[in-house]
């Protein structure tokens, strides 16, 4: 019997409280996963391209992306991911506090796989993260996670 490999999640989030809640929610989830966190858009792209200190990073099965990030915002990160032939098949879930219609439209124009507004309520936040994990890892058939 082979051990199941954990699913790789990259969380791009600069708010330590949201990182903690996301980590708690994914730890309580049904799916064995590895949550990796970067705090800004520049590090997100370095991680995804396995550059610098991220040279040994594993390719994520899913990216959870906040829009309001330092150095390089989430829209720029999303655009770069979806324009890169090596990265564009990685599902990107925009998880943000923004309810701005332009942000929603632009995210989908840039090929986000979905746009979810972060609930302010703690229990709802945990519930949303668990639902995202459950949907993407138990309902959806993801593209093969190619080795680099």
N, C-alpha and C. Protein backbone atom coordinates (compact mmCIF):
# COMPACT_ATOMS: atom_id res chain seq x y z
N UNK A 1 0.84 -1.18 0.00
CA UNK A 1 0.00 0.00 0.00
C UNK A 1 0.89 1.24 0.00
N UNK A 2 0.62 2.19 -0.89
CA UNK A 2 1.43 3.40 -0.94
C UNK A 2 0.80 4.49 -0.09
N UNK A 3 1.64 5.26 0.57
CA UNK A 3 1.15 6.37 1.37
C UNK A 3 0.70 7.48 0.44
N UNK A 4 -0.40 8.12 0.79
CA UNK A 4 -0.89 9.21 -0.03
C UNK A 4 -0.01 10.44 0.17
N UNK A 5 0.38 11.03 -0.95
CA UNK A 5 1.20 12.23 -0.90
C UNK A 5 0.31 13.42 -0.52
N UNK A 6 0.75 14.27 0.40
CA UNK A 6 -0.07 15.42 0.75
C UNK A 6 -0.24 16.35 -0.46
N UNK A 7 -1.39 16.97 -0.54
CA UNK A 7 -1.63 17.96 -1.58
C UNK A 7 -0.98 19.27 -1.16
N UNK A 8 -0.36 19.91 -2.12
CA UNK A 8 0.38 21.14 -1.85
C UNK A 8 -0.51 22.36 -2.08
N UNK A 9 -0.61 23.21 -1.06
CA UNK A 9 -1.36 24.45 -1.17
C UNK A 9 -0.39 25.60 -0.94
N UNK A 10 -0.42 26.58 -1.82
CA UNK A 10 0.35 27.80 -1.61
C UNK A 10 -0.61 28.90 -1.22
N UNK A 11 -0.44 29.43 -0.02
CA UNK A 11 -1.23 30.56 0.46
C UNK A 11 -0.39 31.82 0.30
N UNK A 12 -0.92 32.78 -0.46
CA UNK A 12 -0.24 34.06 -0.66
C UNK A 12 -1.05 35.08 0.14
N UNK A 13 -0.57 35.39 1.33
CA UNK A 13 -1.34 36.18 2.29
C UNK A 13 -0.40 36.92 3.22
N UNK A 14 -0.61 38.23 3.38
CA UNK A 14 0.27 39.02 4.24
C UNK A 14 -0.29 39.27 5.64
N UNK A 15 -1.52 38.83 5.90
CA UNK A 15 -2.13 39.04 7.21
C UNK A 15 -1.88 37.80 8.08
N UNK A 16 -1.05 37.93 9.13
CA UNK A 16 -0.72 36.77 9.97
C UNK A 16 -1.96 36.10 10.58
N UNK A 17 -2.98 36.87 10.91
CA UNK A 17 -4.21 36.30 11.47
C UNK A 17 -4.91 35.41 10.47
N UNK A 18 -4.99 35.85 9.21
CA UNK A 18 -5.62 35.04 8.17
C UNK A 18 -4.78 33.80 7.86
N UNK A 19 -3.47 33.93 7.94
CA UNK A 19 -2.59 32.77 7.74
C UNK A 19 -2.88 31.73 8.82
N UNK A 20 -2.96 32.19 10.07
CA UNK A 20 -3.22 31.27 11.18
C UNK A 20 -4.56 30.57 11.02
N UNK A 21 -5.60 31.33 10.68
CA UNK A 21 -6.93 30.74 10.51
C UNK A 21 -6.96 29.75 9.35
N UNK A 22 -6.29 30.09 8.26
CA UNK A 22 -6.25 29.20 7.12
C UNK A 22 -5.52 27.91 7.48
N UNK A 23 -4.43 28.05 8.21
CA UNK A 23 -3.67 26.86 8.64
C UNK A 23 -4.55 25.97 9.53
N UNK A 24 -5.26 26.58 10.47
CA UNK A 24 -6.15 25.82 11.35
C UNK A 24 -7.23 25.09 10.54
N UNK A 25 -7.84 25.81 9.61
CA UNK A 25 -8.92 25.22 8.81
C UNK A 25 -8.41 24.06 7.96
N UNK A 26 -7.24 24.23 7.35
CA UNK A 26 -6.73 23.14 6.50
C UNK A 26 -6.25 21.96 7.34
N UNK A 27 -5.78 22.22 8.56
CA UNK A 27 -5.38 21.12 9.44
C UNK A 27 -6.58 20.30 9.88
N UNK A 28 -7.74 20.96 10.01
CA UNK A 28 -8.96 20.26 10.43
C UNK A 28 -9.69 19.62 9.25
N UNK A 29 -9.22 19.90 8.05
CA UNK A 29 -9.91 19.41 6.84
C UNK A 29 -9.79 17.91 6.67
N UNK A 30 -10.49 17.40 5.66
CA UNK A 30 -10.55 15.97 5.37
C UNK A 30 -9.34 15.51 4.56
N UNK A 31 -8.62 16.45 3.98
CA UNK A 31 -7.58 16.12 3.01
C UNK A 31 -6.20 16.34 3.61
N UNK A 32 -5.32 15.37 3.40
CA UNK A 32 -3.93 15.51 3.83
C UNK A 32 -3.28 16.58 2.94
N UNK A 33 -2.79 17.64 3.55
CA UNK A 33 -2.21 18.72 2.75
C UNK A 33 -1.00 19.32 3.43
N UNK A 34 -0.25 20.03 2.62
CA UNK A 34 0.89 20.80 3.09
C UNK A 34 0.62 22.25 2.72
N UNK A 35 0.43 23.11 3.70
CA UNK A 35 0.17 24.52 3.45
C UNK A 35 1.49 25.29 3.54
N UNK A 36 1.87 25.89 2.41
CA UNK A 36 3.06 26.73 2.35
C UNK A 36 2.59 28.16 2.23
N UNK A 37 3.28 29.07 2.90
CA UNK A 37 2.84 30.47 2.96
C UNK A 37 3.94 31.40 2.50
N UNK A 38 3.56 32.35 1.65
CA UNK A 38 4.43 33.47 1.31
C UNK A 38 3.63 34.74 1.59
N UNK A 39 4.34 35.81 1.95
CA UNK A 39 3.67 37.00 2.44
C UNK A 39 3.55 38.14 1.43
N UNK A 40 4.10 37.97 0.23
CA UNK A 40 3.98 39.04 -0.77
C UNK A 40 4.03 38.45 -2.18
N UNK A 41 3.68 39.28 -3.14
CA UNK A 41 3.60 38.83 -4.52
C UNK A 41 4.93 38.46 -5.15
N UNK A 42 6.00 39.14 -4.76
CA UNK A 42 7.33 38.82 -5.30
C UNK A 42 7.75 37.42 -4.85
N UNK A 43 7.55 37.13 -3.55
CA UNK A 43 7.88 35.80 -3.04
C UNK A 43 6.98 34.74 -3.66
N UNK A 44 5.73 35.08 -3.93
CA UNK A 44 4.81 34.12 -4.56
C UNK A 44 5.36 33.66 -5.90
N UNK A 45 5.81 34.60 -6.72
CA UNK A 45 6.32 34.24 -8.04
C UNK A 45 7.65 33.50 -7.93
N UNK A 46 8.50 33.88 -6.98
CA UNK A 46 9.76 33.17 -6.77
C UNK A 46 9.47 31.73 -6.33
N UNK A 47 8.49 31.55 -5.47
CA UNK A 47 8.10 30.22 -5.01
C UNK A 47 7.61 29.38 -6.19
N UNK A 48 6.70 29.95 -6.97
CA UNK A 48 6.11 29.21 -8.09
C UNK A 48 7.16 28.86 -9.16
N UNK A 49 8.15 29.72 -9.30
CA UNK A 49 9.19 29.48 -10.32
C UNK A 49 10.42 28.80 -9.72
N UNK A 50 10.33 28.41 -8.46
CA UNK A 50 11.42 27.74 -7.72
C UNK A 50 12.74 28.49 -7.86
N UNK A 51 12.68 29.76 -7.53
CA UNK A 51 13.86 30.62 -7.61
C UNK A 51 14.37 30.97 -6.21
N UNK A 52 15.68 31.22 -6.13
CA UNK A 52 16.29 31.69 -4.88
C UNK A 52 16.05 30.74 -3.73
N UNK A 53 15.57 31.29 -2.62
CA UNK A 53 15.35 30.47 -1.42
C UNK A 53 14.24 29.43 -1.61
N UNK A 54 13.50 29.52 -2.71
CA UNK A 54 12.43 28.56 -2.99
C UNK A 54 12.84 27.51 -4.04
N UNK A 55 14.14 27.34 -4.25
CA UNK A 55 14.61 26.44 -5.31
C UNK A 55 14.15 25.00 -5.10
N UNK A 56 13.83 24.63 -3.87
CA UNK A 56 13.37 23.26 -3.59
C UNK A 56 11.87 23.18 -3.34
N UNK A 57 11.15 24.26 -3.61
CA UNK A 57 9.70 24.29 -3.37
C UNK A 57 8.99 23.30 -4.29
N UNK A 58 7.99 22.64 -3.75
CA UNK A 58 7.17 21.74 -4.54
C UNK A 58 6.09 22.54 -5.26
N UNK A 59 5.74 22.10 -6.44
CA UNK A 59 4.71 22.76 -7.22
C UNK A 59 3.37 22.62 -6.49
N UNK A 60 2.66 23.73 -6.27
CA UNK A 60 1.37 23.63 -5.57
C UNK A 60 0.29 23.02 -6.45
N UNK A 61 -0.64 22.34 -5.80
CA UNK A 61 -1.83 21.82 -6.47
C UNK A 61 -2.90 22.91 -6.54
N UNK A 62 -2.79 23.90 -5.65
CA UNK A 62 -3.76 24.98 -5.56
C UNK A 62 -3.09 26.21 -4.97
N UNK A 63 -3.45 27.38 -5.49
CA UNK A 63 -2.96 28.65 -4.93
C UNK A 63 -4.16 29.41 -4.35
N UNK A 64 -4.05 29.81 -3.09
CA UNK A 64 -5.01 30.70 -2.45
C UNK A 64 -4.37 32.08 -2.44
N UNK A 65 -4.97 33.02 -3.15
CA UNK A 65 -4.32 34.30 -3.41
C UNK A 65 -5.12 35.48 -2.88
N UNK A 66 -4.51 36.25 -2.00
CA UNK A 66 -5.10 37.51 -1.56
C UNK A 66 -4.77 38.56 -2.62
N UNK A 67 -5.60 39.58 -2.76
CA UNK A 67 -5.33 40.63 -3.75
C UNK A 67 -4.47 41.76 -3.19
N UNK A 68 -4.65 42.06 -1.92
CA UNK A 68 -3.96 43.21 -1.31
C UNK A 68 -2.64 42.75 -0.70
N UNK A 69 -1.61 42.77 -1.53
CA UNK A 69 -0.30 42.27 -1.11
C UNK A 69 0.77 43.33 -1.27
N UNK A 70 1.81 43.29 -0.45
CA UNK A 70 2.94 44.20 -0.65
C UNK A 70 3.83 43.74 -1.81
N UNK A 71 4.62 44.64 -2.32
CA UNK A 71 5.63 44.42 -3.38
C UNK A 71 5.03 44.18 -4.75
N UNK A 72 4.11 43.25 -4.87
CA UNK A 72 3.43 42.95 -6.13
C UNK A 72 2.03 42.50 -5.74
N UNK A 73 1.01 43.20 -6.24
CA UNK A 73 -0.35 42.88 -5.79
C UNK A 73 -0.87 41.58 -6.40
N UNK A 74 -1.97 41.11 -5.86
CA UNK A 74 -2.54 39.84 -6.27
C UNK A 74 -2.94 39.79 -7.74
N UNK A 75 -3.41 40.91 -8.28
CA UNK A 75 -3.78 40.94 -9.71
C UNK A 75 -2.55 40.70 -10.59
N UNK A 76 -1.44 41.31 -10.20
CA UNK A 76 -0.19 41.12 -10.96
C UNK A 76 0.27 39.67 -10.87
N UNK A 77 0.17 39.09 -9.68
CA UNK A 77 0.55 37.69 -9.49
C UNK A 77 -0.35 36.79 -10.33
N UNK A 78 -1.65 37.03 -10.27
CA UNK A 78 -2.61 36.23 -11.04
C UNK A 78 -2.30 36.31 -12.54
N UNK A 79 -2.05 37.51 -13.03
CA UNK A 79 -1.74 37.69 -14.45
C UNK A 79 -0.48 36.91 -14.83
N UNK A 80 0.55 36.99 -13.99
CA UNK A 80 1.80 36.28 -14.29
C UNK A 80 1.62 34.77 -14.28
N UNK A 81 0.84 34.27 -13.33
CA UNK A 81 0.60 32.83 -13.26
C UNK A 81 -0.11 32.36 -14.52
N UNK A 82 -1.16 33.06 -14.89
CA UNK A 82 -1.99 32.61 -16.01
C UNK A 82 -1.36 32.87 -17.38
N UNK A 83 -0.32 33.71 -17.43
CA UNK A 83 0.41 33.95 -18.69
C UNK A 83 1.59 33.00 -18.85
N UNK A 84 1.95 32.29 -17.79
CA UNK A 84 3.11 31.41 -17.81
C UNK A 84 2.68 30.00 -18.21
N UNK A 85 3.20 29.49 -19.34
CA UNK A 85 2.79 28.16 -19.81
C UNK A 85 3.03 27.05 -18.79
N UNK A 86 4.03 27.22 -17.93
CA UNK A 86 4.36 26.20 -16.93
C UNK A 86 3.45 26.28 -15.70
N UNK A 87 2.81 27.43 -15.47
CA UNK A 87 2.03 27.63 -14.24
C UNK A 87 0.53 27.76 -14.47
N UNK A 88 0.12 28.06 -15.68
CA UNK A 88 -1.26 28.48 -15.93
C UNK A 88 -2.33 27.44 -15.57
N UNK A 89 -1.97 26.17 -15.48
CA UNK A 89 -2.97 25.16 -15.14
C UNK A 89 -3.17 25.00 -13.63
N UNK A 90 -2.34 25.65 -12.84
CA UNK A 90 -2.52 25.57 -11.39
C UNK A 90 -3.77 26.39 -11.04
N UNK A 91 -4.75 25.77 -10.39
CA UNK A 91 -5.94 26.54 -10.02
C UNK A 91 -5.59 27.65 -9.02
N UNK A 92 -6.14 28.82 -9.28
CA UNK A 92 -5.93 29.97 -8.40
C UNK A 92 -7.29 30.41 -7.86
N UNK A 93 -7.43 30.36 -6.54
CA UNK A 93 -8.62 30.82 -5.85
C UNK A 93 -8.28 32.17 -5.23
N UNK A 94 -8.96 33.22 -5.70
CA UNK A 94 -8.78 34.54 -5.10
C UNK A 94 -9.59 34.54 -3.82
N UNK A 95 -8.92 34.78 -2.71
CA UNK A 95 -9.54 34.79 -1.38
C UNK A 95 -9.19 36.14 -0.76
N UNK A 96 -10.14 37.07 -0.77
CA UNK A 96 -9.83 38.45 -0.42
C UNK A 96 -11.00 39.13 0.29
N UNK A 97 -10.73 40.25 0.92
CA UNK A 97 -11.81 41.01 1.56
C UNK A 97 -12.53 41.92 0.57
N UNK A 98 -11.95 42.12 -0.58
CA UNK A 98 -12.52 43.07 -1.54
C UNK A 98 -13.86 42.58 -2.09
N UNK A 99 -14.85 43.47 -2.04
CA UNK A 99 -16.13 43.17 -2.68
C UNK A 99 -16.34 44.10 -3.88
N UNK A 100 -15.27 44.77 -4.27
CA UNK A 100 -15.29 45.69 -5.41
C UNK A 100 -15.59 44.91 -6.69
N UNK A 101 -16.64 45.32 -7.40
CA UNK A 101 -17.03 44.63 -8.62
C UNK A 101 -15.91 44.60 -9.66
N UNK A 102 -15.14 45.66 -9.73
CA UNK A 102 -14.02 45.70 -10.68
C UNK A 102 -12.98 44.64 -10.35
N UNK A 103 -12.73 44.42 -9.06
CA UNK A 103 -11.79 43.37 -8.65
C UNK A 103 -12.30 41.99 -9.06
N UNK A 104 -13.59 41.78 -8.90
CA UNK A 104 -14.19 40.50 -9.26
C UNK A 104 -14.07 40.28 -10.77
N UNK A 105 -14.48 41.28 -11.55
CA UNK A 105 -14.42 41.18 -13.02
C UNK A 105 -12.98 40.98 -13.49
N UNK A 106 -12.08 41.79 -12.95
CA UNK A 106 -10.68 41.70 -13.38
C UNK A 106 -10.08 40.33 -13.03
N UNK A 107 -10.42 39.80 -11.86
CA UNK A 107 -9.92 38.48 -11.47
C UNK A 107 -10.34 37.41 -12.46
N UNK A 108 -11.61 37.44 -12.85
CA UNK A 108 -12.08 36.45 -13.82
C UNK A 108 -11.51 36.73 -15.21
N UNK A 109 -11.34 38.01 -15.56
CA UNK A 109 -10.71 38.33 -16.85
C UNK A 109 -9.28 37.78 -16.91
N UNK A 110 -8.63 37.72 -15.76
CA UNK A 110 -7.26 37.20 -15.68
C UNK A 110 -7.25 35.67 -15.46
N UNK A 111 -8.41 35.06 -15.54
CA UNK A 111 -8.57 33.60 -15.47
C UNK A 111 -8.43 33.01 -14.07
N UNK A 112 -8.85 33.77 -13.04
CA UNK A 112 -8.95 33.16 -11.71
C UNK A 112 -9.95 32.01 -11.81
N UNK A 113 -9.71 30.95 -11.05
CA UNK A 113 -10.63 29.82 -11.09
C UNK A 113 -11.88 30.08 -10.25
N UNK A 114 -11.76 30.92 -9.24
CA UNK A 114 -12.92 31.42 -8.52
C UNK A 114 -12.52 32.59 -7.64
N UNK A 115 -13.53 33.33 -7.23
CA UNK A 115 -13.33 34.54 -6.42
C UNK A 115 -14.19 34.37 -5.18
N UNK A 116 -13.54 34.39 -4.02
CA UNK A 116 -14.26 34.22 -2.77
C UNK A 116 -13.93 35.40 -1.85
N UNK A 117 -14.97 36.00 -1.33
CA UNK A 117 -14.78 37.09 -0.37
C UNK A 117 -14.58 36.48 1.02
N UNK A 118 -13.52 36.94 1.69
CA UNK A 118 -13.24 36.43 3.04
C UNK A 118 -14.33 36.90 3.99
N UNK A 119 -14.95 35.96 4.69
CA UNK A 119 -15.89 36.39 5.73
C UNK A 119 -15.13 37.02 6.89
N UNK A 120 -15.77 37.96 7.55
CA UNK A 120 -15.15 38.61 8.70
C UNK A 120 -15.29 37.72 9.93
N UNK A 121 -16.39 36.98 10.01
CA UNK A 121 -16.67 36.10 11.13
C UNK A 121 -15.70 34.91 11.14
N UNK A 122 -15.13 34.62 12.29
CA UNK A 122 -14.13 33.57 12.46
C UNK A 122 -14.65 32.20 12.00
N UNK A 123 -15.80 31.80 12.48
CA UNK A 123 -16.34 30.48 12.12
C UNK A 123 -16.64 30.40 10.63
N UNK A 124 -17.19 31.47 10.06
CA UNK A 124 -17.48 31.48 8.63
C UNK A 124 -16.19 31.40 7.82
N UNK A 125 -15.15 32.10 8.27
CA UNK A 125 -13.86 32.06 7.58
C UNK A 125 -13.35 30.61 7.55
N UNK A 126 -13.36 29.95 8.70
CA UNK A 126 -12.89 28.57 8.77
C UNK A 126 -13.73 27.67 7.86
N UNK A 127 -15.03 27.90 7.86
CA UNK A 127 -15.94 27.12 7.04
C UNK A 127 -15.65 27.30 5.54
N UNK A 128 -15.38 28.54 5.13
CA UNK A 128 -15.09 28.82 3.73
C UNK A 128 -13.79 28.13 3.30
N UNK A 129 -12.76 28.21 4.12
CA UNK A 129 -11.48 27.58 3.77
C UNK A 129 -11.66 26.06 3.67
N UNK A 130 -12.39 25.47 4.60
CA UNK A 130 -12.64 24.02 4.54
C UNK A 130 -13.42 23.67 3.28
N UNK A 131 -14.40 24.50 2.92
CA UNK A 131 -15.21 24.24 1.72
C UNK A 131 -14.35 24.32 0.46
N UNK A 132 -13.44 25.30 0.41
CA UNK A 132 -12.53 25.44 -0.73
C UNK A 132 -11.67 24.19 -0.85
N UNK A 133 -11.09 23.79 0.26
CA UNK A 133 -10.24 22.60 0.26
C UNK A 133 -11.03 21.36 -0.16
N UNK A 134 -12.21 21.20 0.42
CA UNK A 134 -13.04 20.04 0.10
C UNK A 134 -13.40 20.02 -1.38
N UNK A 135 -13.83 21.15 -1.92
CA UNK A 135 -14.22 21.22 -3.32
C UNK A 135 -13.05 20.91 -4.25
N UNK A 136 -11.93 21.60 -4.05
CA UNK A 136 -10.80 21.46 -4.98
C UNK A 136 -10.08 20.13 -4.86
N UNK A 137 -10.16 19.48 -3.69
CA UNK A 137 -9.40 18.25 -3.53
C UNK A 137 -10.24 16.98 -3.45
N UNK A 138 -11.56 17.10 -3.35
CA UNK A 138 -12.38 15.89 -3.34
C UNK A 138 -13.41 15.86 -4.46
N UNK A 139 -13.85 17.01 -4.94
CA UNK A 139 -14.87 17.06 -5.99
C UNK A 139 -14.24 17.22 -7.37
N UNK A 140 -13.31 18.14 -7.49
CA UNK A 140 -12.71 18.49 -8.78
C UNK A 140 -11.60 17.52 -9.14
N UNK A 141 -11.46 17.22 -10.41
CA UNK A 141 -10.31 16.46 -10.91
C UNK A 141 -9.27 17.48 -11.35
N UNK A 142 -8.18 17.58 -10.62
CA UNK A 142 -7.12 18.54 -10.92
C UNK A 142 -6.19 18.01 -12.01
N UNK A 143 -5.54 18.92 -12.74
CA UNK A 143 -4.56 18.45 -13.72
C UNK A 143 -3.40 17.79 -12.97
N UNK A 144 -2.70 16.85 -13.63
CA UNK A 144 -1.56 16.22 -12.95
C UNK A 144 -0.55 17.27 -12.50
N UNK A 145 -0.02 17.08 -11.32
CA UNK A 145 0.95 18.01 -10.78
C UNK A 145 2.32 17.59 -11.30
N UNK A 146 2.71 18.14 -12.44
CA UNK A 146 3.97 17.75 -13.09
C UNK A 146 5.17 18.05 -12.24
N UNK A 147 6.12 17.16 -12.30
CA UNK A 147 7.39 17.37 -11.60
C UNK A 147 8.20 18.40 -12.38
N UNK A 148 9.00 19.17 -11.68
CA UNK A 148 9.84 20.16 -12.35
C UNK A 148 11.16 19.55 -12.70
